[in-house]
């Protein structure tokens, strides 16, 4: 009697659309939010900051791309979102595809060189995120006015907390894998 194999769900195909829909919903919610009356500092809506915090690697990369592509130039406005939001949503899809692929293929053997390259790249990006959040807090956060850098203390606190967690995760997880690769021999010793 043959056993029926249950098809497994590939997270690399499920996570990106789910996360893009969630991110788009949070961005739209934030775009339709209003700042408190009489606020004279920069304000970002809490749903938008939470969305950016959940997807910090995509946020940082889309911000860098937007700055490089459209520095001091007109940014086209596309239906429903700003151009930078579309870049962010593409980054969210890529981020969660990579996370899903990592989870889906965690038990498969990969080349040692490929593992080293991708883990180093992720760890370096994590260090980039950590340096940016630390510099942001040293330069832009004024403890005398009691805000986290803008007029939305709670949203900014959540955003910065998630940013810090992402930076640590992108340093620690690849670091552990690299340490494990260092302990394993590159060529198994043939036994007699």
N, C-alpha and C. Protein backbone atom coordinates (compact mmCIF):
# COMPACT_ATOMS: atom_id res chain seq x y z
N UNK A 1 0.84 -1.18 0.00
CA UNK A 1 0.00 0.00 0.00
C UNK A 1 0.89 1.25 0.00
N UNK A 2 0.64 2.13 -0.93
CA UNK A 2 1.44 3.35 -1.04
C UNK A 2 0.90 4.41 -0.10
N UNK A 3 1.84 5.11 0.52
CA UNK A 3 1.41 6.21 1.38
C UNK A 3 1.28 7.47 0.54
N UNK A 4 0.23 8.18 0.80
CA UNK A 4 0.01 9.43 0.07
C UNK A 4 0.90 10.51 0.65
N UNK A 5 1.58 11.20 -0.22
CA UNK A 5 2.43 12.29 0.25
C UNK A 5 1.61 13.57 0.31
N UNK A 6 1.75 14.24 1.38
CA UNK A 6 1.05 15.50 1.57
C UNK A 6 1.92 16.61 1.01
N UNK A 7 1.39 17.37 0.07
CA UNK A 7 2.21 18.46 -0.47
C UNK A 7 2.48 19.50 0.62
N UNK A 8 3.72 19.93 0.68
CA UNK A 8 4.07 20.93 1.67
C UNK A 8 3.90 22.32 1.08
N UNK A 9 3.49 23.20 1.93
CA UNK A 9 3.30 24.58 1.51
C UNK A 9 4.66 25.27 1.49
N UNK A 10 5.00 25.90 0.40
CA UNK A 10 6.26 26.63 0.28
C UNK A 10 6.05 28.05 0.81
N UNK A 11 6.75 28.34 1.91
CA UNK A 11 6.63 29.67 2.51
C UNK A 11 7.19 30.75 1.60
N UNK A 12 8.10 30.38 0.72
CA UNK A 12 8.66 31.36 -0.22
C UNK A 12 7.59 31.91 -1.16
N UNK A 13 6.49 31.16 -1.33
CA UNK A 13 5.41 31.62 -2.20
C UNK A 13 4.22 32.18 -1.42
N UNK A 14 4.14 31.87 -0.13
CA UNK A 14 3.02 32.32 0.68
C UNK A 14 3.34 33.63 1.40
N UNK A 15 4.53 33.72 2.00
CA UNK A 15 4.88 34.90 2.80
C UNK A 15 4.89 36.21 2.01
N UNK A 16 5.49 36.26 0.80
CA UNK A 16 5.53 37.56 0.11
C UNK A 16 4.16 38.19 -0.15
N UNK A 17 3.19 37.47 -0.74
CA UNK A 17 1.91 38.16 -0.97
C UNK A 17 1.19 38.55 0.32
N UNK A 18 1.29 37.71 1.34
CA UNK A 18 0.65 38.04 2.62
C UNK A 18 1.28 39.29 3.21
N UNK A 19 2.60 39.36 3.23
CA UNK A 19 3.29 40.51 3.81
C UNK A 19 3.09 41.78 2.98
N UNK A 20 3.02 41.65 1.65
CA UNK A 20 2.79 42.83 0.81
C UNK A 20 1.39 43.39 1.05
N UNK A 21 0.40 42.51 1.18
CA UNK A 21 -0.97 42.97 1.46
C UNK A 21 -1.01 43.65 2.84
N UNK A 22 -0.39 43.04 3.84
CA UNK A 22 -0.34 43.65 5.17
C UNK A 22 0.37 45.00 5.13
N UNK A 23 1.51 45.06 4.45
CA UNK A 23 2.27 46.31 4.38
C UNK A 23 1.46 47.39 3.65
N UNK A 24 0.83 47.02 2.54
CA UNK A 24 0.01 47.98 1.80
C UNK A 24 -1.14 48.50 2.63
N UNK A 25 -1.75 47.61 3.41
CA UNK A 25 -2.86 48.01 4.29
C UNK A 25 -2.37 48.98 5.36
N UNK A 26 -1.25 48.68 5.98
CA UNK A 26 -0.72 49.56 7.02
C UNK A 26 -0.31 50.92 6.43
N UNK A 27 0.28 50.91 5.22
CA UNK A 27 0.67 52.18 4.61
C UNK A 27 -0.56 53.02 4.30
N UNK A 28 -1.60 52.39 3.72
CA UNK A 28 -2.83 53.13 3.42
C UNK A 28 -3.47 53.67 4.70
N UNK A 29 -3.46 52.87 5.74
CA UNK A 29 -4.00 53.30 7.03
C UNK A 29 -3.22 54.53 7.52
N UNK A 30 -1.90 54.47 7.38
CA UNK A 30 -1.07 55.60 7.79
C UNK A 30 -1.29 56.83 6.94
N UNK A 31 -1.50 56.63 5.62
CA UNK A 31 -1.73 57.78 4.74
C UNK A 31 -3.05 58.49 5.05
N UNK A 32 -3.99 57.76 5.61
CA UNK A 32 -5.28 58.35 5.94
C UNK A 32 -5.38 58.76 7.41
N UNK A 33 -4.29 58.68 8.13
CA UNK A 33 -4.26 59.14 9.52
C UNK A 33 -3.91 60.62 9.55
N UNK A 34 -4.31 61.27 10.60
CA UNK A 34 -4.06 62.71 10.72
C UNK A 34 -3.20 62.98 11.96
N UNK A 35 -2.25 63.92 11.83
CA UNK A 35 -1.41 64.26 12.99
C UNK A 35 -2.24 64.98 14.05
N UNK A 36 -1.76 64.96 15.27
CA UNK A 36 -2.45 65.71 16.33
C UNK A 36 -2.48 67.20 15.99
N UNK A 37 -3.54 67.90 16.35
CA UNK A 37 -3.60 69.33 16.04
C UNK A 37 -2.52 70.12 16.78
N UNK A 38 -1.98 71.10 16.10
CA UNK A 38 -1.00 71.99 16.70
C UNK A 38 0.41 71.43 16.77
N UNK A 39 0.66 70.31 16.14
CA UNK A 39 1.99 69.71 16.18
C UNK A 39 2.90 70.45 15.19
N UNK A 40 4.06 70.88 15.65
CA UNK A 40 4.96 71.63 14.79
C UNK A 40 6.24 70.87 14.44
N UNK A 41 6.26 69.56 14.68
CA UNK A 41 7.41 68.74 14.30
C UNK A 41 6.97 67.69 13.29
N UNK A 42 7.94 67.02 12.70
CA UNK A 42 7.65 65.94 11.77
C UNK A 42 6.80 64.88 12.47
N UNK A 43 5.81 64.34 11.75
CA UNK A 43 4.95 63.32 12.33
C UNK A 43 4.76 62.20 11.32
N UNK A 44 4.87 60.97 11.79
CA UNK A 44 4.56 59.80 10.98
C UNK A 44 3.54 58.98 11.74
N UNK A 45 2.58 58.42 11.00
CA UNK A 45 1.50 57.66 11.63
C UNK A 45 2.03 56.36 12.23
N UNK A 46 1.46 55.97 13.35
CA UNK A 46 1.87 54.74 14.03
C UNK A 46 1.74 53.51 13.13
N UNK A 47 0.64 53.32 12.38
CA UNK A 47 0.58 52.13 11.50
C UNK A 47 1.72 52.10 10.48
N UNK A 48 2.08 53.25 9.95
CA UNK A 48 3.18 53.30 8.97
C UNK A 48 4.49 52.92 9.65
N UNK A 49 4.74 53.45 10.83
CA UNK A 49 5.98 53.13 11.55
C UNK A 49 6.04 51.66 11.94
N UNK A 50 4.91 51.07 12.32
CA UNK A 50 4.89 49.64 12.64
C UNK A 50 5.19 48.82 11.38
N UNK A 51 4.59 49.21 10.27
CA UNK A 51 4.84 48.53 8.99
C UNK A 51 6.31 48.60 8.62
N UNK A 52 6.90 49.77 8.73
CA UNK A 52 8.32 49.92 8.43
C UNK A 52 9.18 49.11 9.40
N UNK A 53 8.76 49.05 10.66
CA UNK A 53 9.51 48.29 11.64
C UNK A 53 9.49 46.79 11.38
N UNK A 54 8.34 46.28 10.97
CA UNK A 54 8.22 44.85 10.67
C UNK A 54 9.09 44.48 9.47
N UNK A 55 9.28 45.43 8.58
CA UNK A 55 10.01 45.18 7.33
C UNK A 55 11.24 46.07 7.20
N UNK A 56 11.97 46.26 8.29
CA UNK A 56 13.10 47.19 8.31
C UNK A 56 14.12 46.95 7.19
N UNK A 57 14.55 45.70 6.92
CA UNK A 57 15.53 45.54 5.84
C UNK A 57 15.02 46.07 4.50
N UNK A 58 13.75 45.86 4.21
CA UNK A 58 13.17 46.38 2.97
C UNK A 58 13.03 47.90 3.03
N UNK A 59 12.68 48.43 4.19
CA UNK A 59 12.54 49.88 4.35
C UNK A 59 13.87 50.59 4.10
N UNK A 60 14.91 50.09 4.72
CA UNK A 60 16.24 50.72 4.58
C UNK A 60 16.70 50.66 3.13
N UNK A 61 16.54 49.51 2.50
CA UNK A 61 16.98 49.36 1.11
C UNK A 61 16.16 50.23 0.17
N UNK A 62 14.84 50.30 0.38
CA UNK A 62 14.01 51.13 -0.50
C UNK A 62 14.33 52.61 -0.30
N UNK A 63 14.65 52.99 0.93
CA UNK A 63 15.03 54.38 1.20
C UNK A 63 16.33 54.72 0.46
N UNK A 64 17.30 53.79 0.49
CA UNK A 64 18.57 54.03 -0.21
C UNK A 64 18.34 54.11 -1.72
N UNK A 65 17.54 53.19 -2.27
CA UNK A 65 17.27 53.21 -3.71
C UNK A 65 16.54 54.48 -4.12
N UNK A 66 15.56 54.88 -3.33
CA UNK A 66 14.81 56.10 -3.64
C UNK A 66 15.73 57.31 -3.63
N UNK A 67 16.65 57.35 -2.67
CA UNK A 67 17.60 58.47 -2.60
C UNK A 67 18.55 58.48 -3.78
N UNK A 68 18.97 57.29 -4.23
CA UNK A 68 19.90 57.22 -5.37
C UNK A 68 19.20 57.50 -6.69
N UNK A 69 18.00 56.95 -6.88
CA UNK A 69 17.31 57.08 -8.16
C UNK A 69 16.69 58.45 -8.39
N UNK A 70 16.15 59.04 -7.33
CA UNK A 70 15.39 60.26 -7.51
C UNK A 70 15.86 61.39 -6.62
N UNK A 71 17.13 61.49 -6.46
CA UNK A 71 17.68 62.57 -5.63
C UNK A 71 17.38 63.91 -6.29
N UNK A 72 16.66 64.76 -5.59
CA UNK A 72 16.28 66.11 -6.06
C UNK A 72 15.56 66.09 -7.40
N UNK A 73 14.86 65.03 -7.69
CA UNK A 73 14.09 64.96 -8.94
C UNK A 73 12.64 64.65 -8.62
N UNK A 74 11.80 64.86 -9.61
CA UNK A 74 10.38 64.54 -9.46
C UNK A 74 10.21 63.03 -9.30
N UNK A 75 9.44 62.63 -8.32
CA UNK A 75 9.12 61.21 -8.12
C UNK A 75 7.71 60.98 -8.65
N UNK A 76 7.56 60.07 -9.57
CA UNK A 76 6.20 59.84 -10.09
C UNK A 76 5.29 59.28 -9.01
N UNK A 77 4.05 59.71 -9.03
CA UNK A 77 3.07 59.18 -8.08
C UNK A 77 2.27 58.11 -8.81
N UNK A 78 2.28 56.91 -8.29
CA UNK A 78 1.59 55.80 -8.91
C UNK A 78 0.28 55.55 -8.17
N UNK A 79 -0.66 54.87 -8.79
CA UNK A 79 -1.98 54.71 -8.17
C UNK A 79 -1.93 54.16 -6.75
N UNK A 80 -2.55 54.90 -5.84
CA UNK A 80 -2.72 54.45 -4.47
C UNK A 80 -1.55 54.68 -3.54
N UNK A 81 -0.35 54.79 -4.06
CA UNK A 81 0.84 54.92 -3.22
C UNK A 81 1.81 55.91 -3.85
N UNK A 82 2.71 56.39 -3.05
CA UNK A 82 3.82 57.17 -3.58
C UNK A 82 4.84 56.22 -4.19
N UNK A 83 5.71 56.74 -5.03
CA UNK A 83 6.72 55.90 -5.68
C UNK A 83 7.59 55.19 -4.66
N UNK A 84 7.98 55.90 -3.60
CA UNK A 84 8.82 55.28 -2.56
C UNK A 84 8.08 54.13 -1.87
N UNK A 85 6.75 54.23 -1.78
CA UNK A 85 5.97 53.13 -1.20
C UNK A 85 6.00 51.91 -2.11
N UNK A 86 5.96 52.13 -3.42
CA UNK A 86 6.04 51.00 -4.36
C UNK A 86 7.41 50.32 -4.26
N UNK A 87 8.47 51.12 -4.16
CA UNK A 87 9.80 50.54 -3.95
C UNK A 87 9.83 49.71 -2.67
N UNK A 88 9.22 50.25 -1.62
CA UNK A 88 9.17 49.55 -0.35
C UNK A 88 8.40 48.23 -0.48
N UNK A 89 7.26 48.24 -1.15
CA UNK A 89 6.45 47.03 -1.30
C UNK A 89 7.19 45.96 -2.11
N UNK A 90 7.94 46.38 -3.12
CA UNK A 90 8.77 45.43 -3.87
C UNK A 90 9.84 44.84 -2.95
N UNK A 91 10.44 45.69 -2.13
CA UNK A 91 11.42 45.23 -1.15
C UNK A 91 10.82 44.26 -0.14
N UNK A 92 9.58 44.52 0.29
CA UNK A 92 8.89 43.62 1.22
C UNK A 92 8.71 42.25 0.58
N UNK A 93 8.29 42.22 -0.68
CA UNK A 93 8.12 40.93 -1.38
C UNK A 93 9.44 40.18 -1.45
N UNK A 94 10.51 40.87 -1.79
CA UNK A 94 11.83 40.23 -1.88
C UNK A 94 12.29 39.74 -0.51
N UNK A 95 12.14 40.58 0.51
CA UNK A 95 12.55 40.21 1.87
C UNK A 95 11.86 38.93 2.32
N UNK A 96 10.54 38.89 2.18
CA UNK A 96 9.81 37.72 2.68
C UNK A 96 9.97 36.50 1.78
N UNK A 97 10.29 36.72 0.50
CA UNK A 97 10.64 35.58 -0.36
C UNK A 97 11.95 34.96 0.14
N UNK A 98 12.93 35.79 0.45
CA UNK A 98 14.21 35.29 0.96
C UNK A 98 14.04 34.58 2.30
N UNK A 99 13.22 35.15 3.18
CA UNK A 99 12.97 34.50 4.47
C UNK A 99 12.26 33.16 4.26
N UNK A 100 11.25 33.14 3.41
CA UNK A 100 10.54 31.89 3.11
C UNK A 100 11.45 30.85 2.50
N UNK A 101 12.31 31.27 1.58
CA UNK A 101 13.26 30.34 0.96
C UNK A 101 14.23 29.79 2.00
N UNK A 102 14.69 30.66 2.89
CA UNK A 102 15.61 30.22 3.95
C UNK A 102 14.95 29.17 4.84
N UNK A 103 13.69 29.39 5.18
CA UNK A 103 12.97 28.42 6.01
C UNK A 103 12.70 27.13 5.23
N UNK A 104 12.28 27.26 3.97
CA UNK A 104 11.97 26.09 3.15
C UNK A 104 13.17 25.19 2.91
N UNK A 105 14.36 25.79 2.77
CA UNK A 105 15.54 25.02 2.40
C UNK A 105 16.53 24.84 3.55
N UNK A 106 16.07 25.01 4.77
CA UNK A 106 16.99 24.93 5.90
C UNK A 106 17.63 23.56 6.08
N UNK A 107 16.99 22.51 5.59
CA UNK A 107 17.56 21.17 5.75
C UNK A 107 18.35 20.70 4.53
N UNK A 108 18.31 21.46 3.46
CA UNK A 108 19.02 21.06 2.24
C UNK A 108 20.48 21.48 2.32
N UNK A 109 21.31 20.67 1.71
CA UNK A 109 22.74 20.99 1.64
C UNK A 109 22.98 22.07 0.59
N UNK A 110 23.81 23.03 0.94
CA UNK A 110 24.18 24.10 0.02
C UNK A 110 25.69 24.16 -0.04
N UNK A 111 26.20 24.81 -1.06
CA UNK A 111 27.65 24.91 -1.18
C UNK A 111 28.20 25.76 -0.04
N UNK A 112 29.37 25.40 0.41
CA UNK A 112 30.01 26.11 1.53
C UNK A 112 30.29 27.57 1.15
N UNK A 113 30.74 27.80 -0.07
CA UNK A 113 31.04 29.16 -0.52
C UNK A 113 29.77 30.00 -0.55
N UNK A 114 28.69 29.44 -1.04
CA UNK A 114 27.42 30.16 -1.07
C UNK A 114 26.92 30.51 0.32
N UNK A 115 27.03 29.55 1.24
CA UNK A 115 26.62 29.81 2.63
C UNK A 115 27.44 30.94 3.24
N UNK A 116 28.73 30.89 3.02
CA UNK A 116 29.61 31.92 3.58
C UNK A 116 29.26 33.29 3.00
N UNK A 117 29.09 33.36 1.68
CA UNK A 117 28.79 34.63 1.01
C UNK A 117 27.49 35.23 1.54
N UNK A 118 26.40 34.46 1.53
CA UNK A 118 25.09 35.01 1.92
C UNK A 118 25.03 35.33 3.40
N UNK A 119 25.68 34.52 4.22
CA UNK A 119 25.69 34.82 5.66
C UNK A 119 26.52 36.06 5.96
N UNK A 120 27.65 36.23 5.27
CA UNK A 120 28.44 37.46 5.45
C UNK A 120 27.67 38.69 4.99
N UNK A 121 26.99 38.56 3.85
CA UNK A 121 26.21 39.67 3.32
C UNK A 121 25.10 40.06 4.30
N UNK A 122 24.39 39.07 4.85
CA UNK A 122 23.32 39.36 5.81
C UNK A 122 23.88 39.99 7.08
N UNK A 123 25.01 39.47 7.57
CA UNK A 123 25.61 40.03 8.79
C UNK A 123 26.09 41.46 8.56
N UNK A 124 26.68 41.74 7.41
CA UNK A 124 27.12 43.11 7.11
C UNK A 124 25.93 44.06 7.02
N UNK A 125 24.84 43.59 6.43
CA UNK A 125 23.63 44.42 6.36
C UNK A 125 23.08 44.66 7.76
N UNK A 126 23.16 43.65 8.62
CA UNK A 126 22.74 43.81 10.00
C UNK A 126 23.58 44.85 10.72
N UNK A 127 24.90 44.84 10.48
CA UNK A 127 25.77 45.86 11.07
C UNK A 127 25.41 47.25 10.53
N UNK A 128 25.09 47.33 9.24
CA UNK A 128 24.65 48.60 8.66
C UNK A 128 23.42 49.11 9.38
N UNK A 129 22.44 48.23 9.59
CA UNK A 129 21.22 48.64 10.29
C UNK A 129 21.51 49.08 11.72
N UNK A 130 22.39 48.36 12.39
CA UNK A 130 22.73 48.69 13.77
C UNK A 130 23.43 50.05 13.86
N UNK A 131 24.36 50.30 12.96
CA UNK A 131 25.06 51.59 12.95
C UNK A 131 24.09 52.73 12.66
N UNK A 132 23.19 52.53 11.70
CA UNK A 132 22.24 53.59 11.35
C UNK A 132 21.33 53.91 12.52
N UNK A 133 20.80 52.89 13.20
CA UNK A 133 19.88 53.18 14.32
C UNK A 133 20.64 53.82 15.48
N UNK A 134 21.86 53.40 15.72
CA UNK A 134 22.65 54.02 16.80
C UNK A 134 22.96 55.47 16.48
N UNK A 135 23.39 55.75 15.25
CA UNK A 135 23.67 57.13 14.87
C UNK A 135 22.42 57.98 14.88
N UNK A 136 21.30 57.40 14.45
CA UNK A 136 20.04 58.14 14.48
C UNK A 136 19.72 58.59 15.90
N UNK A 137 19.88 57.70 16.84
CA UNK A 137 19.55 58.04 18.23
C UNK A 137 20.53 59.02 18.83
N UNK A 138 21.79 58.97 18.43
CA UNK A 138 22.78 59.91 18.96
C UNK A 138 22.58 61.30 18.36
N UNK A 139 22.30 61.36 17.06
CA UNK A 139 22.24 62.64 16.38
C UNK A 139 20.85 63.28 16.41
N UNK A 140 19.80 62.49 16.16
CA UNK A 140 18.48 63.07 15.95
C UNK A 140 17.53 62.99 17.14
N UNK A 141 17.84 62.23 18.13
CA UNK A 141 16.93 62.11 19.26
C UNK A 141 17.39 63.04 20.37
N UNK A 142 16.58 64.01 20.62
CA UNK A 142 16.88 65.00 21.66
C UNK A 142 16.15 64.60 22.93
N UNK A 143 16.87 64.12 23.94
CA UNK A 143 16.19 63.68 25.15
C UNK A 143 15.53 64.82 25.92
N UNK A 144 15.90 66.05 25.63
CA UNK A 144 15.33 67.19 26.36
C UNK A 144 13.87 67.44 26.00
N UNK A 145 13.49 67.10 24.73
CA UNK A 145 12.09 67.37 24.36
C UNK A 145 11.19 66.16 24.56
N UNK A 146 11.74 65.03 25.00
CA UNK A 146 10.94 63.87 25.37
C UNK A 146 10.38 63.08 24.21
N UNK A 147 10.81 63.35 22.99
CA UNK A 147 10.29 62.57 21.87
C UNK A 147 11.37 61.63 21.36
N UNK A 148 10.96 60.69 20.55
CA UNK A 148 11.90 59.75 19.96
C UNK A 148 12.43 60.22 18.63
N UNK A 149 12.29 61.46 18.29
CA UNK A 149 12.80 61.99 17.04
C UNK A 149 11.73 62.65 16.20
N UNK A 150 10.47 62.34 16.47
CA UNK A 150 9.38 63.01 15.77
C UNK A 150 8.23 63.22 16.74
N UNK A 151 7.09 63.60 16.25
CA UNK A 151 5.97 63.90 17.11
C UNK A 151 5.15 62.69 17.52
N UNK A 152 5.57 61.48 17.18
CA UNK A 152 4.83 60.27 17.51
C UNK A 152 5.74 59.37 18.34
N UNK A 153 5.78 59.60 19.64
CA UNK A 153 6.71 58.88 20.50
C UNK A 153 6.48 57.38 20.49
N UNK A 154 5.22 56.94 20.64
CA UNK A 154 4.93 55.51 20.69
C UNK A 154 5.28 54.82 19.37
N UNK A 155 4.86 55.40 18.26
CA UNK A 155 5.17 54.82 16.95
C UNK A 155 6.66 54.76 16.70
N UNK A 156 7.37 55.82 17.08
CA UNK A 156 8.81 55.86 16.88
C UNK A 156 9.53 54.85 17.78
N UNK A 157 9.03 54.68 18.99
CA UNK A 157 9.61 53.71 19.91
C UNK A 157 9.45 52.28 19.36
N UNK A 158 8.27 51.96 18.85
CA UNK A 158 8.03 50.64 18.25
C UNK A 158 8.92 50.45 17.02
N UNK A 159 8.97 51.46 16.17
CA UNK A 159 9.79 51.39 14.95
C UNK A 159 11.26 51.16 15.28
N UNK A 160 11.79 51.94 16.20
CA UNK A 160 13.20 51.80 16.56
C UNK A 160 13.48 50.48 17.27
N UNK A 161 12.53 50.01 18.08
CA UNK A 161 12.70 48.72 18.74
C UNK A 161 12.75 47.58 17.73
N UNK A 162 11.84 47.60 16.76
CA UNK A 162 11.84 46.57 15.71
C UNK A 162 13.10 46.67 14.85
N UNK A 163 13.55 47.90 14.57
CA UNK A 163 14.78 48.10 13.80
C UNK A 163 15.96 47.45 14.53
N UNK A 164 16.04 47.70 15.84
CA UNK A 164 17.13 47.16 16.65
C UNK A 164 17.08 45.62 16.66
N UNK A 165 15.88 45.05 16.80
CA UNK A 165 15.72 43.59 16.79
C UNK A 165 16.15 43.01 15.45
N UNK A 166 15.73 43.63 14.35
CA UNK A 166 16.14 43.17 13.02
C UNK A 166 17.66 43.21 12.87
N UNK A 167 18.28 44.30 13.32
CA UNK A 167 19.73 44.42 13.16
C UNK A 167 20.44 43.33 13.95
N UNK A 168 19.98 43.05 15.17
CA UNK A 168 20.59 41.99 15.96
C UNK A 168 20.35 40.62 15.32
N UNK A 169 19.13 40.38 14.82
CA UNK A 169 18.83 39.10 14.18
C UNK A 169 19.70 38.89 12.94
N UNK A 170 19.91 39.95 12.17
CA UNK A 170 20.73 39.83 10.96
C UNK A 170 22.21 39.71 11.27
N UNK A 171 22.60 39.99 12.48
CA UNK A 171 23.99 39.78 12.89
C UNK A 171 24.15 38.41 13.55
N UNK A 172 23.24 38.07 14.46
CA UNK A 172 23.38 36.85 15.26
C UNK A 172 23.11 35.57 14.45
N UNK A 173 22.01 35.53 13.71
CA UNK A 173 21.65 34.29 12.98
C UNK A 173 22.73 33.93 11.95
N UNK A 174 23.14 34.84 11.07
CA UNK A 174 24.22 34.47 10.14
C UNK A 174 25.54 34.21 10.87
N UNK A 175 25.78 34.93 11.96
CA UNK A 175 27.01 34.72 12.73
C UNK A 175 27.08 33.31 13.29
N UNK A 176 25.96 32.81 13.79
CA UNK A 176 25.92 31.44 14.30
C UNK A 176 26.17 30.43 13.18
N UNK A 177 25.58 30.69 12.02
CA UNK A 177 25.80 29.78 10.88
C UNK A 177 27.26 29.82 10.43
N UNK A 178 27.84 31.00 10.41
CA UNK A 178 29.25 31.10 10.03
C UNK A 178 30.14 30.40 11.05
N UNK A 179 29.82 30.52 12.33
CA UNK A 179 30.60 29.83 13.36
C UNK A 179 30.46 28.31 13.20
N UNK A 180 29.28 27.85 12.84
CA UNK A 180 29.08 26.42 12.60
C UNK A 180 29.86 25.94 11.40
N UNK A 181 29.94 26.76 10.36
CA UNK A 181 30.72 26.40 9.17
C UNK A 181 32.20 26.34 9.49
N UNK A 182 32.62 27.18 10.40
CA UNK A 182 34.05 27.22 10.76
C UNK A 182 34.47 25.94 11.48
N UNK A 183 33.54 25.40 12.27
CA UNK A 183 33.85 24.18 13.01
C UNK A 183 33.82 22.93 12.13
N UNK A 184 33.00 22.97 11.05
CA UNK A 184 32.91 21.79 10.18
C UNK A 184 34.08 21.79 9.20
N UNK A 185 34.64 20.64 8.93
CA UNK A 185 35.70 20.58 7.92
C UNK A 185 35.10 20.80 6.54
N UNK A 186 35.88 21.44 5.67
CA UNK A 186 35.37 21.71 4.33
C UNK A 186 35.27 20.45 3.48
N UNK A 187 36.13 19.47 3.73
CA UNK A 187 36.09 18.19 3.02
C UNK A 187 36.04 17.09 4.06
N UNK A 188 35.02 16.23 3.98
CA UNK A 188 34.98 15.15 4.96
C UNK A 188 36.19 14.23 4.81
N UNK A 189 36.69 13.80 5.93
CA UNK A 189 37.85 12.92 5.94
C UNK A 189 37.39 11.51 5.57
N UNK A 190 38.04 10.92 4.61
CA UNK A 190 37.68 9.58 4.18
C UNK A 190 38.12 8.58 5.24
N UNK A 191 37.20 7.69 5.57
CA UNK A 191 37.52 6.69 6.56
C UNK A 191 37.97 5.41 5.87
N UNK A 192 38.98 4.74 6.47
CA UNK A 192 39.49 3.50 5.88
C UNK A 192 38.66 2.33 6.29
